[in-house]
Structures are given as structure tokens and as C-alpha cells.
């Protein structure tokens, strides 16, 4: 399979397994999707389905207990999985692709001003001196809506929303083409969430930045999404254009996930998905959602389903 001509990112059969005392956890198990230039894909799914592990696999931020790490990650025409750790650190991470992690307060150094922290990637990866780097930081702060005088403040002096904007500015300061956002609006109030999403939409328009937004917040993510990828038990089970997906999801898990979202004007109550996700140490050999699916039949438990390619890709025997 070759990457599309206009593709910024092409992921094929990405695998990340962890070794634990209880067995091997198949956190990311054969993930495939593409992302175009100036586009945003939202990866949705329940907690524990492997979304954060996917972000770590893309940025190669791996713990020591990795059992298997393989696949193809083609970024701007280069398969970065073939690069050495040093080549990846100097030419990919925070240069072509960067990360906004969960819990911005935990990712910021409490004893350094936020201006110096955001300037550091520019000094390391762009070779700028401190004065020039702070000039770039000032421009990034303007893009994300942070007043210039905040550069001399410490993280504990900022609100949760402002700390999230600082983390976003840090990811942007080297002008990467792709930013991975891992739950960027978690633990924020609704108004702050809306403001952060407006910032992201403006950045995509003004800077041409592409985003991978990892979240379980369906309502908020729909504001930014161009494409949607649904993740379940370490695998992507459905992908498609956001305009097609949100009105009419096709995979049974996607349908139940959308039906669980509370709506302001609705005659029906939100539904919940019965059962629990399968263990990632011993996933079923067939469809991983089969045990919870109301439409399952014999083949679902015997063979893993395959994607049907086209405008919509669905990993479900109902659409084979």
C-alpha cells in the first residue's frame, strides 16, 4: 500500500505491545489511517482503548517495557519508523510532529517561567539564541491568545485554560506540520473547552497545521474534525469523513458510542453500552466488539473482520 499523494501522514499496521508481569498488553494492534495537509482527524473511543498509547507510538515516547513496536509511519513522504532514535529526535519529534499531552500542569516545570519553557524547543531544534527564541514565543503566544506579559509568569500563576494554551504554544513554537493533542480539553470547564477548540480551528486556518485530536469528548471534538477514527480494544474499527460519520455512523460500536451522547433536544435518553471491553492481554480472535454487539453472528467470533475500503472504512462483518 502506498501513501496518497496529498497525504501528510500515512499509518499502516502500527503495533505497540507492552510486556507486564501478567502478560503482553496489545495496546495498539494493527492501526491504519491517513491524514491530509491542513486536516484534523479525531480519534474517539472509551477509556483504555489505546488512544494515548497510539500518541506515544507516533511520537516514539516509549517506556522500557516495550515488547513489540512495528509498522509504517510515513510523515511527509518519509517512513520515520526506519530512522534511528537519534535521527528521530533531531529531525521528527518537535520538528515535524509535536505533542500536547494530557494535564498541561504536569507537563510544565513549576520553577521555570512559561516563556523560557516554550522557548526551549526553539533553542534546541532551531538553533536560536534565547533572545530570538523568546521573539518566536511572543508570536506563538499571540496565535494562541496569551498576553505577552504572561511570559514571565510561572505555571502555578495561570488558570487551567491558560496552561493548556501554553502547552499548545510549546508544541507550535518550531512550526511542525502535525500536532498530536491528547485530551487537550479534559478537566476544563465548558467555556474554556470551547475557547481552546476555537484556537485550534484558527490555527488550522492561519498556520496550516494538521491535528490528531485524541479524546472521548464527542461533542467538543466534532467542532474540529475533518475525519473521524473510532478506536476500540487497540484497533481502529471505523474511519470516515466527519460530515458523513456524525449523522450516520456505520459500525455498531460507533452507533452505540454516538447514542451515548446527551442531547439538548431529544425525546430519548442517552443509552449505555452493556458489558466491558475485552482484555488487551488476551483479546478475542474474531471481532473484538462481538461480545457486546447486539448484531453479532457466528462468524464474528471466529474470524477478525477486514476493512471495506472507499469513502468509509468499517471493520465489521455486517459491511463485508
C-alpha atoms as a PDB file:
ATOM      1  CA  UNK A   1       0.000   0.000   0.000  1.00  0.00           C
ATOM      2  CA  UNK A   2       1.351   3.439  -0.917  1.00  0.00           C
ATOM      3  CA  UNK A   3       0.598   6.719   0.755  1.00  0.00           C
ATOM      4  CA  UNK A   4      -1.767   9.090  -1.080  1.00  0.00           C
ATOM      5  CA  UNK A   5      -0.072  11.958  -2.950  1.00  0.00           C
ATOM      6  CA  UNK A   6      -1.654  14.647  -0.750  1.00  0.00           C
ATOM      7  CA  UNK A   7      -1.180  12.724   2.478  1.00  0.00           C
ATOM      8  CA  UNK A   8       0.742  14.367   5.289  1.00  0.00           C
ATOM      9  CA  UNK A   9       0.690  11.214   7.418  1.00  0.00           C
ATOM     10  CA  UNK A  10       0.162   7.592   6.389  1.00  0.00           C
ATOM     11  CA  UNK A  11      -0.021   4.933   9.110  1.00  0.00           C
ATOM     12  CA  UNK A  12      -0.062   1.271   8.189  1.00  0.00           C
ATOM     13  CA  UNK A  13      -0.244  -1.731  10.551  1.00  0.00           C
ATOM     14  CA  UNK A  14       1.152   0.194  13.537  1.00  0.00           C
ATOM     15  CA  UNK A  15       1.736  -2.093  16.524  1.00  0.00           C
ATOM     16  CA  UNK A  16       2.764  -1.268  20.096  1.00  0.00           C
ATOM     17  CA  UNK A  17       2.707  -4.051  22.704  1.00  0.00           C
ATOM     18  CA  UNK A  18       3.882  -3.794  26.306  1.00  0.00           C
ATOM     19  CA  UNK A  19       5.354  -6.546  28.454  1.00  0.00           C
ATOM     20  CA  UNK A  20       3.966  -6.751  32.007  1.00  0.00           C
ATOM     21  CA  UNK A  21       4.208  -9.249  34.861  1.00  0.00           C
ATOM     22  CA  UNK A  22       0.744 -10.555  33.915  1.00  0.00           C
ATOM     23  CA  UNK A  23       1.348 -10.842  30.166  1.00  0.00           C
ATOM     24  CA  UNK A  24       1.699  -8.822  26.957  1.00  0.00           C
ATOM     25  CA  UNK A  25      -0.703  -5.888  26.562  1.00  0.00           C
ATOM     26  CA  UNK A  26      -1.656  -5.311  22.915  1.00  0.00           C
ATOM     27  CA  UNK A  27      -2.305  -1.587  23.378  1.00  0.00           C
ATOM     28  CA  UNK A  28      -2.038  -0.680  19.678  1.00  0.00           C
ATOM     29  CA  UNK A  29      -2.632  -3.611  17.353  1.00  0.00           C
ATOM     30  CA  UNK A  30      -2.574  -3.006  13.616  1.00  0.00           C
ATOM     31  CA  UNK A  31      -3.742   0.608  13.286  1.00  0.00           C
ATOM     32  CA  UNK A  32      -4.168   2.150   9.810  1.00  0.00           C
ATOM     33  CA  UNK A  33      -5.273   5.642   8.795  1.00  0.00           C
ATOM     34  CA  UNK A  34      -4.266   8.668   6.711  1.00  0.00           C
ATOM     35  CA  UNK A  35      -4.244  12.394   7.379  1.00  0.00           C
ATOM     36  CA  UNK A  36      -4.055  15.132   4.780  1.00  0.00           C
ATOM     37  CA  UNK A  37      -2.458  18.583   4.879  1.00  0.00           C
ATOM     38  CA  UNK A  38      -4.415  21.201   6.866  1.00  0.00           C
ATOM     39  CA  UNK A  39      -6.766  18.500   8.137  1.00  0.00           C
ATOM     40  CA  UNK A  40      -7.810  17.243  11.548  1.00  0.00           C
ATOM     41  CA  UNK A  41      -8.642  13.661  12.448  1.00  0.00           C
ATOM     42  CA  UNK A  42     -10.384  12.938  15.747  1.00  0.00           C
ATOM     43  CA  UNK A  43      -9.734   9.580  17.378  1.00  0.00           C
ATOM     44  CA  UNK A  44     -12.637   8.614  19.619  1.00  0.00           C
ATOM     45  CA  UNK A  45     -13.140   5.709  21.980  1.00  0.00           C
ATOM     46  CA  UNK A  46     -13.681   4.574  25.548  1.00  0.00           C
ATOM     47  CA  UNK A  47     -11.002   4.918  28.198  1.00  0.00           C
ATOM     48  CA  UNK A  48      -8.444   2.132  27.940  1.00  0.00           C
ATOM     49  CA  UNK A  49      -8.899   1.507  24.223  1.00  0.00           C
ATOM     50  CA  UNK A  50      -5.311   2.512  23.363  1.00  0.00           C
ATOM     51  CA  UNK A  51      -5.690   6.159  22.292  1.00  0.00           C
ATOM     52  CA  UNK A  52      -2.867   7.520  24.457  1.00  0.00           C
ATOM     53  CA  UNK A  53      -0.637   4.550  23.573  1.00  0.00           C
ATOM     54  CA  UNK A  54      -1.212   5.455  19.918  1.00  0.00           C
ATOM     55  CA  UNK A  55       0.012   9.005  20.557  1.00  0.00           C
ATOM     56  CA  UNK A  56       3.122   7.623  22.310  1.00  0.00           C
ATOM     57  CA  UNK A  57       3.759   5.276  19.394  1.00  0.00           C
ATOM     58  CA  UNK A  58       3.566   8.151  16.890  1.00  0.00           C
ATOM     59  CA  UNK A  59       5.953  10.360  18.896  1.00  0.00           C
ATOM     60  CA  UNK A  60       8.158   7.366  19.840  1.00  0.00           C
ATOM     61  CA  UNK A  61       7.815   8.227  23.527  1.00  0.00           C
ATOM     62  CA  UNK A  62       8.126   4.634  24.658  1.00  0.00           C
ATOM     63  CA  UNK A  63       8.551   3.083  28.106  1.00  0.00           C
ATOM     64  CA  UNK A  64      11.178   0.446  28.784  1.00  0.00           C
ATOM     65  CA  UNK A  65       8.775  -2.482  28.771  1.00  0.00           C
ATOM     66  CA  UNK A  66       8.016  -2.447  25.035  1.00  0.00           C
ATOM     67  CA  UNK A  67       7.508  -5.978  23.698  1.00  0.00           C
ATOM     68  CA  UNK A  68       6.783  -5.096  20.059  1.00  0.00           C
ATOM     69  CA  UNK A  69       6.897  -1.836  18.134  1.00  0.00           C
ATOM     70  CA  UNK A  70       6.468  -2.079  14.359  1.00  0.00           C
ATOM     71  CA  UNK A  71       4.581  -0.821  11.338  1.00  0.00           C
ATOM     72  CA  UNK A  72       4.850   2.030   8.867  1.00  0.00           C
ATOM     73  CA  UNK A  73       4.535   5.722   9.757  1.00  0.00           C
ATOM     74  CA  UNK A  74       5.103   7.832   6.640  1.00  0.00           C
ATOM     75  CA  UNK A  75       5.368  11.512   7.544  1.00  0.00           C
ATOM     76  CA  UNK A  76       5.774  13.947   4.639  1.00  0.00           C
ATOM     77  CA  UNK A  77       6.984  11.108   2.414  1.00  0.00           C
ATOM     78  CA  UNK A  78       9.494   9.605   4.868  1.00  0.00           C
ATOM     79  CA  UNK A  79       8.936   6.391   6.807  1.00  0.00           C
ATOM     80  CA  UNK A  80      10.065   7.623  10.223  1.00  0.00           C
ATOM     81  CA  UNK A  81       9.957   4.095  11.662  1.00  0.00           C
ATOM     82  CA  UNK A  82      13.177   3.419   9.749  1.00  0.00           C
ATOM     83  CA  UNK A  83      15.047   6.261  11.476  1.00  0.00           C
ATOM     84  CA  UNK A  84      17.354   5.681  14.424  1.00  0.00           C
ATOM     85  CA  UNK A  85      16.366   7.119  17.803  1.00  0.00           C
ATOM     86  CA  UNK A  86      18.848   9.991  17.382  1.00  0.00           C
ATOM     87  CA  UNK A  87      17.638  10.780  13.839  1.00  0.00           C
ATOM     88  CA  UNK A  88      14.049  10.704  15.063  1.00  0.00           C
ATOM     89  CA  UNK A  89      14.825  13.032  17.982  1.00  0.00           C
ATOM     90  CA  UNK A  90      16.623  15.615  15.852  1.00  0.00           C
ATOM     91  CA  UNK A  91      14.508  15.575  12.683  1.00  0.00           C
ATOM     92  CA  UNK A  92      10.986  14.459  13.647  1.00  0.00           C
ATOM     93  CA  UNK A  93       9.943  14.932  17.271  1.00  0.00           C
ATOM     94  CA  UNK A  94       9.162  18.620  17.882  1.00  0.00           C
ATOM     95  CA  UNK A  95      10.369  19.451  14.359  1.00  0.00           C
ATOM     96  CA  UNK A  96       7.830  17.812  12.041  1.00  0.00           C
ATOM     97  CA  UNK A  97       5.461  16.446  14.675  1.00  0.00           C
ATOM     98  CA  UNK A  98       4.840  17.510  18.281  1.00  0.00           C
ATOM     99  CA  UNK A  99       2.594  16.593  21.195  1.00  0.00           C
ATOM    100  CA  UNK A 100       0.241  18.376  23.565  1.00  0.00           C
ATOM    101  CA  UNK A 101      -0.024  15.878  26.442  1.00  0.00           C
ATOM    102  CA  UNK A 102      -2.805  15.364  28.945  1.00  0.00           C
ATOM    103  CA  UNK A 103      -2.759  17.517  32.108  1.00  0.00           C
ATOM    104  CA  UNK A 104      -0.795  20.594  30.994  1.00  0.00           C
ATOM    105  CA  UNK A 105       0.193  21.428  34.590  1.00  0.00           C
ATOM    106  CA  UNK A 106       2.029  18.112  34.879  1.00  0.00           C
ATOM    107  CA  UNK A 107       3.959  18.750  31.665  1.00  0.00           C
ATOM    108  CA  UNK A 108       5.245  22.181  32.737  1.00  0.00           C
ATOM    109  CA  UNK A 109       8.229  22.804  35.004  1.00  0.00           C
ATOM    110  CA  UNK A 110       6.969  24.664  38.110  1.00  0.00           C
ATOM    111  CA  UNK A 111      10.278  26.508  38.711  1.00  0.00           C
ATOM    112  CA  UNK A 112      10.697  27.974  35.206  1.00  0.00           C
ATOM    113  CA  UNK A 113       8.718  30.786  33.630  1.00  0.00           C
ATOM    114  CA  UNK A 114       6.401  29.678  30.845  1.00  0.00           C
ATOM    115  CA  UNK A 115       8.245  31.909  28.368  1.00  0.00           C
ATOM    116  CA  UNK A 116      11.537  30.099  28.956  1.00  0.00           C
ATOM    117  CA  UNK A 117       9.843  26.699  28.768  1.00  0.00           C
ATOM    118  CA  UNK A 118       8.189  27.438  25.433  1.00  0.00           C
ATOM    119  CA  UNK A 119      11.464  28.901  24.116  1.00  0.00           C
ATOM    120  CA  UNK A 120      13.466  25.759  24.891  1.00  0.00           C
ATOM    121  CA  UNK A 121      12.300  23.655  21.886  1.00  0.00           C
ATOM    122  CA  UNK A 122      13.117  26.567  19.565  1.00  0.00           C
ATOM    123  CA  UNK A 123      16.605  26.854  21.051  1.00  0.00           C
ATOM    124  CA  UNK A 124      17.265  23.108  20.867  1.00  0.00           C
ATOM    125  CA  UNK A 125      15.739  22.257  17.484  1.00  0.00           C
ATOM    126  CA  UNK A 126      16.033  25.550  15.570  1.00  0.00           C
ATOM    127  CA  UNK A 127      19.403  26.624  16.988  1.00  0.00           C
ATOM    128  CA  UNK A 128      18.127  30.041  18.110  1.00  0.00           C
ATOM    129  CA  UNK A 129      19.633  32.057  20.926  1.00  0.00           C
ATOM    130  CA  UNK A 130      17.441  32.890  23.902  1.00  0.00           C
ATOM    131  CA  UNK A 131      16.507  36.380  22.695  1.00  0.00           C
ATOM    132  CA  UNK A 132      15.437  35.196  19.241  1.00  0.00           C
ATOM    133  CA  UNK A 133      13.615  32.204  20.707  1.00  0.00           C
ATOM    134  CA  UNK A 134      11.629  34.459  23.024  1.00  0.00           C
ATOM    135  CA  UNK A 135      10.687  36.541  19.981  1.00  0.00           C
ATOM    136  CA  UNK A 136       9.218  33.412  18.381  1.00  0.00           C
ATOM    137  CA  UNK A 137       7.457  32.605  21.651  1.00  0.00           C
ATOM    138  CA  UNK A 138       5.853  36.040  21.639  1.00  0.00           C
ATOM    139  CA  UNK A 139       4.392  35.351  18.172  1.00  0.00           C
ATOM    140  CA  UNK A 140       3.128  31.928  19.249  1.00  0.00           C
ATOM    141  CA  UNK A 141       1.516  33.396  22.366  1.00  0.00           C
ATOM    142  CA  UNK A 142      -0.344  35.845  20.158  1.00  0.00           C
ATOM    143  CA  UNK A 143      -1.607  32.977  17.968  1.00  0.00           C
ATOM    144  CA  UNK A 144      -2.951  31.016  20.932  1.00  0.00           C
ATOM    145  CA  UNK A 145      -4.361  34.042  22.783  1.00  0.00           C
ATOM    146  CA  UNK A 146      -1.892  34.537  25.653  1.00  0.00           C
ATOM    147  CA  UNK A 147      -0.942  38.119  26.638  1.00  0.00           C
ATOM    148  CA  UNK A 148       2.771  38.884  26.212  1.00  0.00           C
ATOM    149  CA  UNK A 149       3.281  39.760  29.879  1.00  0.00           C
ATOM    150  CA  UNK A 150       2.440  36.152  30.779  1.00  0.00           C
ATOM    151  CA  UNK A 151       5.876  35.113  29.518  1.00  0.00           C
ATOM    152  CA  UNK A 152       7.361  35.998  32.913  1.00  0.00           C
ATOM    153  CA  UNK A 153       4.784  34.047  34.894  1.00  0.00           C
ATOM    154  CA  UNK A 154       5.118  30.570  36.374  1.00  0.00           C
ATOM    155  CA  UNK A 155       2.689  27.714  35.630  1.00  0.00           C
ATOM    156  CA  UNK A 156       1.016  27.883  39.042  1.00  0.00           C
ATOM    157  CA  UNK A 157       0.065  31.517  38.352  1.00  0.00           C
ATOM    158  CA  UNK A 158      -2.049  30.538  35.321  1.00  0.00           C
ATOM    159  CA  UNK A 159      -5.539  29.102  35.021  1.00  0.00           C
ATOM    160  CA  UNK A 160      -6.110  25.647  33.562  1.00  0.00           C
ATOM    161  CA  UNK A 161      -7.132  27.097  30.215  1.00  0.00           C
ATOM    162  CA  UNK A 162      -4.043  29.323  30.033  1.00  0.00           C
ATOM    163  CA  UNK A 163      -1.762  26.413  30.939  1.00  0.00           C
ATOM    164  CA  UNK A 164      -3.337  24.429  28.105  1.00  0.00           C
ATOM    165  CA  UNK A 165      -2.631  27.319  25.727  1.00  0.00           C
ATOM    166  CA  UNK A 166       0.998  27.377  26.929  1.00  0.00           C
ATOM    167  CA  UNK A 167       1.324  23.654  26.161  1.00  0.00           C
ATOM    168  CA  UNK A 168      -0.143  24.327  22.713  1.00  0.00           C
ATOM    169  CA  UNK A 169       2.295  27.209  22.119  1.00  0.00           C
ATOM    170  CA  UNK A 170       5.171  24.912  23.104  1.00  0.00           C
ATOM    171  CA  UNK A 171       4.039  22.368  20.513  1.00  0.00           C
ATOM    172  CA  UNK A 172       3.765  25.113  17.859  1.00  0.00           C
ATOM    173  CA  UNK A 173       6.980  27.007  18.509  1.00  0.00           C
ATOM    174  CA  UNK A 174       9.042  25.003  15.968  1.00  0.00           C
ATOM    175  CA  UNK A 175       6.247  25.238  13.340  1.00  0.00           C
ATOM    176  CA  UNK A 176       5.622  21.489  12.887  1.00  0.00           C
ATOM    177  CA  UNK A 177       3.158  20.392  10.240  1.00  0.00           C
ATOM    178  CA  UNK A 178       1.399  17.996  12.618  1.00  0.00           C
ATOM    179  CA  UNK A 179       0.373  18.251  16.268  1.00  0.00           C
ATOM    180  CA  UNK A 180      -0.965  15.337  18.306  1.00  0.00           C
ATOM    181  CA  UNK A 181      -3.359  16.518  21.036  1.00  0.00           C
ATOM    182  CA  UNK A 182      -4.062  14.018  23.812  1.00  0.00           C
ATOM    183  CA  UNK A 183      -7.254  15.018  25.663  1.00  0.00           C
ATOM    184  CA  UNK A 184      -6.476  18.766  25.374  1.00  0.00           C
ATOM    185  CA  UNK A 185      -9.758  19.842  26.993  1.00  0.00           C
ATOM    186  CA  UNK A 186     -10.040  17.282  29.796  1.00  0.00           C
ATOM    187  CA  UNK A 187     -10.634  18.762  33.283  1.00  0.00           C
ATOM    188  CA  UNK A 188     -11.556  22.158  31.770  1.00  0.00           C
ATOM    189  CA  UNK A 189     -14.926  23.870  32.129  1.00  0.00           C
ATOM    190  CA  UNK A 190     -17.228  24.057  29.104  1.00  0.00           C
ATOM    191  CA  UNK A 191     -16.469  27.681  28.252  1.00  0.00           C
ATOM    192  CA  UNK A 192     -12.705  27.070  28.368  1.00  0.00           C
ATOM    193  CA  UNK A 193     -13.128  23.940  26.237  1.00  0.00           C
ATOM    194  CA  UNK A 194     -14.965  25.979  23.614  1.00  0.00           C
ATOM    195  CA  UNK A 195     -12.230  28.643  23.657  1.00  0.00           C
ATOM    196  CA  UNK A 196      -9.481  26.028  23.186  1.00  0.00           C
ATOM    197  CA  UNK A 197     -11.323  24.458  20.244  1.00  0.00           C
ATOM    198  CA  UNK A 198     -11.747  27.904  18.652  1.00  0.00           C
ATOM    199  CA  UNK A 199      -7.983  28.431  18.979  1.00  0.00           C
ATOM    200  CA  UNK A 200      -7.311  25.099  17.253  1.00  0.00           C
ATOM    201  CA  UNK A 201      -9.668  25.929  14.391  1.00  0.00           C
ATOM    202  CA  UNK A 202      -7.991  29.297  13.921  1.00  0.00           C
ATOM    203  CA  UNK A 203      -4.520  27.714  13.921  1.00  0.00           C
ATOM    204  CA  UNK A 204      -5.536  25.212  11.271  1.00  0.00           C
ATOM    205  CA  UNK A 205      -6.730  28.087   9.078  1.00  0.00           C
ATOM    206  CA  UNK A 206      -3.932  30.602   9.778  1.00  0.00           C
ATOM    207  CA  UNK A 207      -0.869  28.330  10.074  1.00  0.00           C
ATOM    208  CA  UNK A 208      -1.994  25.346   8.007  1.00  0.00           C
ATOM    209  CA  UNK A 209      -1.374  22.988  10.915  1.00  0.00           C
ATOM    210  CA  UNK A 210      -2.808  19.472  10.861  1.00  0.00           C
ATOM    211  CA  UNK A 211      -4.079  17.846  14.045  1.00  0.00           C
ATOM    212  CA  UNK A 212      -4.648  14.414  15.509  1.00  0.00           C
ATOM    213  CA  UNK A 213      -7.106  15.004  18.346  1.00  0.00           C
ATOM    214  CA  UNK A 214      -7.342  12.097  20.783  1.00  0.00           C
ATOM    215  CA  UNK A 215     -10.360  12.333  23.040  1.00  0.00           C
ATOM    216  CA  UNK A 216     -13.525  10.726  24.379  1.00  0.00           C
ATOM    217  CA  UNK A 217     -15.427  14.029  24.202  1.00  0.00           C
ATOM    218  CA  UNK A 218     -17.560  13.523  21.099  1.00  0.00           C
ATOM    219  CA  UNK A 219     -19.484  16.795  21.307  1.00  0.00           C
ATOM    220  CA  UNK A 220     -16.416  19.024  21.589  1.00  0.00           C
ATOM    221  CA  UNK A 221     -14.343  17.137  19.026  1.00  0.00           C
ATOM    222  CA  UNK A 222     -16.988  17.485  16.316  1.00  0.00           C
ATOM    223  CA  UNK A 223     -16.149  21.206  16.134  1.00  0.00           C
ATOM    224  CA  UNK A 224     -12.643  20.497  14.772  1.00  0.00           C
ATOM    225  CA  UNK A 225     -12.930  17.175  12.953  1.00  0.00           C
ATOM    226  CA  UNK A 226     -12.486  16.750   9.222  1.00  0.00           C
ATOM    227  CA  UNK A 227     -12.173  12.981   9.609  1.00  0.00           C
ATOM    228  CA  UNK A 228     -13.110  10.599  12.410  1.00  0.00           C
ATOM    229  CA  UNK A 229     -11.422   7.377  13.516  1.00  0.00           C
ATOM    230  CA  UNK A 230     -13.135   5.165  16.091  1.00  0.00           C
ATOM    231  CA  UNK A 231     -10.775   3.098  18.271  1.00  0.00           C
ATOM    232  CA  UNK A 232     -11.787   0.017  20.214  1.00  0.00           C
ATOM    233  CA  UNK A 233      -9.586  -2.504  22.059  1.00  0.00           C
ATOM    234  CA  UNK A 234      -6.365  -1.362  20.365  1.00  0.00           C
ATOM    235  CA  UNK A 235      -7.753  -1.223  16.821  1.00  0.00           C
ATOM    236  CA  UNK A 236      -9.384   1.336  14.536  1.00  0.00           C
ATOM    237  CA  UNK A 237     -12.853  -0.045  13.739  1.00  0.00           C
ATOM    238  CA  UNK A 238     -14.227   2.782  11.578  1.00  0.00           C
ATOM    239  CA  UNK A 239     -12.882   5.782   9.698  1.00  0.00           C
ATOM    240  CA  UNK A 240     -14.648   8.332   7.549  1.00  0.00           C
ATOM    241  CA  UNK A 241     -15.329  11.957   6.740  1.00  0.00           C
ATOM    242  CA  UNK A 242     -16.805  13.783   9.732  1.00  0.00           C
ATOM    243  CA  UNK A 243     -19.720  15.112   7.662  1.00  0.00           C
ATOM    244  CA  UNK A 244     -20.698  11.536   6.812  1.00  0.00           C
ATOM    245  CA  UNK A 245     -19.841   9.922  10.134  1.00  0.00           C
ATOM    246  CA  UNK A 246     -21.589  12.076  12.735  1.00  0.00           C
ATOM    247  CA  UNK A 247     -25.081  11.906  11.148  1.00  0.00           C
ATOM    248  CA  UNK A 248     -24.802   8.180  10.328  1.00  0.00           C
ATOM    249  CA  UNK A 249     -22.099   6.030  11.980  1.00  0.00           C
ATOM    250  CA  UNK A 250     -21.930   2.529  10.483  1.00  0.00           C
ATOM    251  CA  UNK A 251     -20.052   0.267  12.909  1.00  0.00           C
ATOM    252  CA  UNK A 252     -22.285  -0.999  15.764  1.00  0.00           C
ATOM    253  CA  UNK A 253     -19.791   0.313  18.331  1.00  0.00           C
ATOM    254  CA  UNK A 254     -19.760   3.725  16.639  1.00  0.00           C
ATOM    255  CA  UNK A 255     -23.555   3.818  16.638  1.00  0.00           C
ATOM    256  CA  UNK A 256     -23.751   2.965  20.341  1.00  0.00           C
ATOM    257  CA  UNK A 257     -20.984   5.452  21.167  1.00  0.00           C
ATOM    258  CA  UNK A 258     -22.874   8.254  19.418  1.00  0.00           C
ATOM    259  CA  UNK A 259     -26.146   7.218  21.066  1.00  0.00           C
ATOM    260  CA  UNK A 260     -24.495   7.615  24.491  1.00  0.00           C
ATOM    261  CA  UNK A 261     -24.025  11.376  23.996  1.00  0.00           C
ATOM    262  CA  UNK A 262     -26.613  13.524  25.830  1.00  0.00           C
ATOM    263  CA  UNK A 263     -28.522  15.877  23.520  1.00  0.00           C
ATOM    264  CA  UNK A 264     -30.244  19.112  24.435  1.00  0.00           C
ATOM    265  CA  UNK A 265     -33.299  18.477  22.273  1.00  0.00           C
ATOM    266  CA  UNK A 266     -34.139  14.781  22.280  1.00  0.00           C
ATOM    267  CA  UNK A 267     -37.109  12.632  23.248  1.00  0.00           C
ATOM    268  CA  UNK A 268     -34.886   9.674  24.156  1.00  0.00           C
ATOM    269  CA  UNK A 269     -32.426   9.185  26.996  1.00  0.00           C
ATOM    270  CA  UNK A 270     -28.742   8.531  26.264  1.00  0.00           C
ATOM    271  CA  UNK A 271     -28.045   4.816  26.008  1.00  0.00           C
ATOM    272  CA  UNK A 272     -25.133   2.953  27.537  1.00  0.00           C
ATOM    273  CA  UNK A 273     -23.033   0.135  26.093  1.00  0.00           C
ATOM    274  CA  UNK A 274     -23.522  -3.097  28.006  1.00  0.00           C
ATOM    275  CA  UNK A 275     -20.533  -5.155  29.100  1.00  0.00           C
ATOM    276  CA  UNK A 276     -16.835  -4.374  29.305  1.00  0.00           C
ATOM    277  CA  UNK A 277     -14.108  -4.043  26.664  1.00  0.00           C
ATOM    278  CA  UNK A 278     -12.032  -7.219  26.227  1.00  0.00           C
ATOM    279  CA  UNK A 279      -8.682  -7.670  27.943  1.00  0.00           C
ATOM    280  CA  UNK A 280      -5.862  -6.359  25.759  1.00  0.00           C
ATOM    281  CA  UNK A 281      -3.677  -9.161  27.119  1.00  0.00           C
ATOM    282  CA  UNK A 282      -5.949 -11.821  25.650  1.00  0.00           C
ATOM    283  CA  UNK A 283      -8.208 -10.255  23.001  1.00  0.00           C
ATOM    284  CA  UNK A 284     -10.753 -12.432  21.177  1.00  0.00           C
ATOM    285  CA  UNK A 285      -9.668 -13.984  17.882  1.00  0.00           C
ATOM    286  CA  UNK A 286     -12.654 -12.623  15.978  1.00  0.00           C
ATOM    287  CA  UNK A 287     -14.225  -9.173  16.163  1.00  0.00           C
ATOM    288  CA  UNK A 288     -13.163  -7.531  19.411  1.00  0.00           C
ATOM    289  CA  UNK A 289     -16.583  -5.953  19.875  1.00  0.00           C
ATOM    290  CA  UNK A 290     -18.522  -9.174  19.250  1.00  0.00           C
ATOM    291  CA  UNK A 291     -19.256  -9.965  22.921  1.00  0.00           C
ATOM    292  CA  UNK A 292     -21.034  -6.595  23.343  1.00  0.00           C
ATOM    293  CA  UNK A 293     -22.611  -6.314  19.887  1.00  0.00           C
ATOM    294  CA  UNK A 294     -26.389  -6.845  19.531  1.00  0.00           C
ATOM    295  CA  UNK A 295     -25.934  -7.777  15.842  1.00  0.00           C
ATOM    296  CA  UNK A 296     -23.257 -10.457  16.231  1.00  0.00           C
ATOM    297  CA  UNK A 297     -23.481 -13.774  14.432  1.00  0.00           C
ATOM    298  CA  UNK A 298     -21.282 -16.878  14.347  1.00  0.00           C
ATOM    299  CA  UNK A 299     -18.604 -15.544  12.008  1.00  0.00           C
ATOM    300  CA  UNK A 300     -17.994 -12.515  14.256  1.00  0.00           C
ATOM    301  CA  UNK A 301     -16.485 -14.699  16.976  1.00  0.00           C
ATOM    302  CA  UNK A 302     -14.408 -16.825  14.611  1.00  0.00           C
ATOM    303  CA  UNK A 303     -12.626 -14.502  12.205  1.00  0.00           C
ATOM    304  CA  UNK A 304     -11.356 -10.919  12.532  1.00  0.00           C
ATOM    305  CA  UNK A 305     -13.281  -8.599  10.172  1.00  0.00           C
ATOM    306  CA  UNK A 306     -11.481  -6.667   7.465  1.00  0.00           C
ATOM    307  CA  UNK A 307     -11.818  -3.093   6.276  1.00  0.00           C
ATOM    308  CA  UNK A 308     -14.014  -2.227   3.327  1.00  0.00           C
ATOM    309  CA  UNK A 309     -12.064   0.485   1.529  1.00  0.00           C
ATOM    310  CA  UNK A 310     -13.665   3.547  -0.001  1.00  0.00           C
ATOM    311  CA  UNK A 311     -15.050   6.749   1.466  1.00  0.00           C
ATOM    312  CA  UNK A 312     -15.917   4.817   4.609  1.00  0.00           C
ATOM    313  CA  UNK A 313     -13.846   2.049   6.165  1.00  0.00           C
ATOM    314  CA  UNK A 314     -15.604  -0.272   8.590  1.00  0.00           C
ATOM    315  CA  UNK A 315     -14.111  -3.212  10.457  1.00  0.00           C
ATOM    316  CA  UNK A 316     -17.333  -5.192  10.729  1.00  0.00           C
ATOM    317  CA  UNK A 317     -18.708  -8.323   9.076  1.00  0.00           C
ATOM    318  CA  UNK A 318     -22.087  -6.610   8.615  1.00  0.00           C
ATOM    319  CA  UNK A 319     -20.455  -4.449   5.917  1.00  0.00           C
ATOM    320  CA  UNK A 320     -18.131  -7.060   4.381  1.00  0.00           C
END
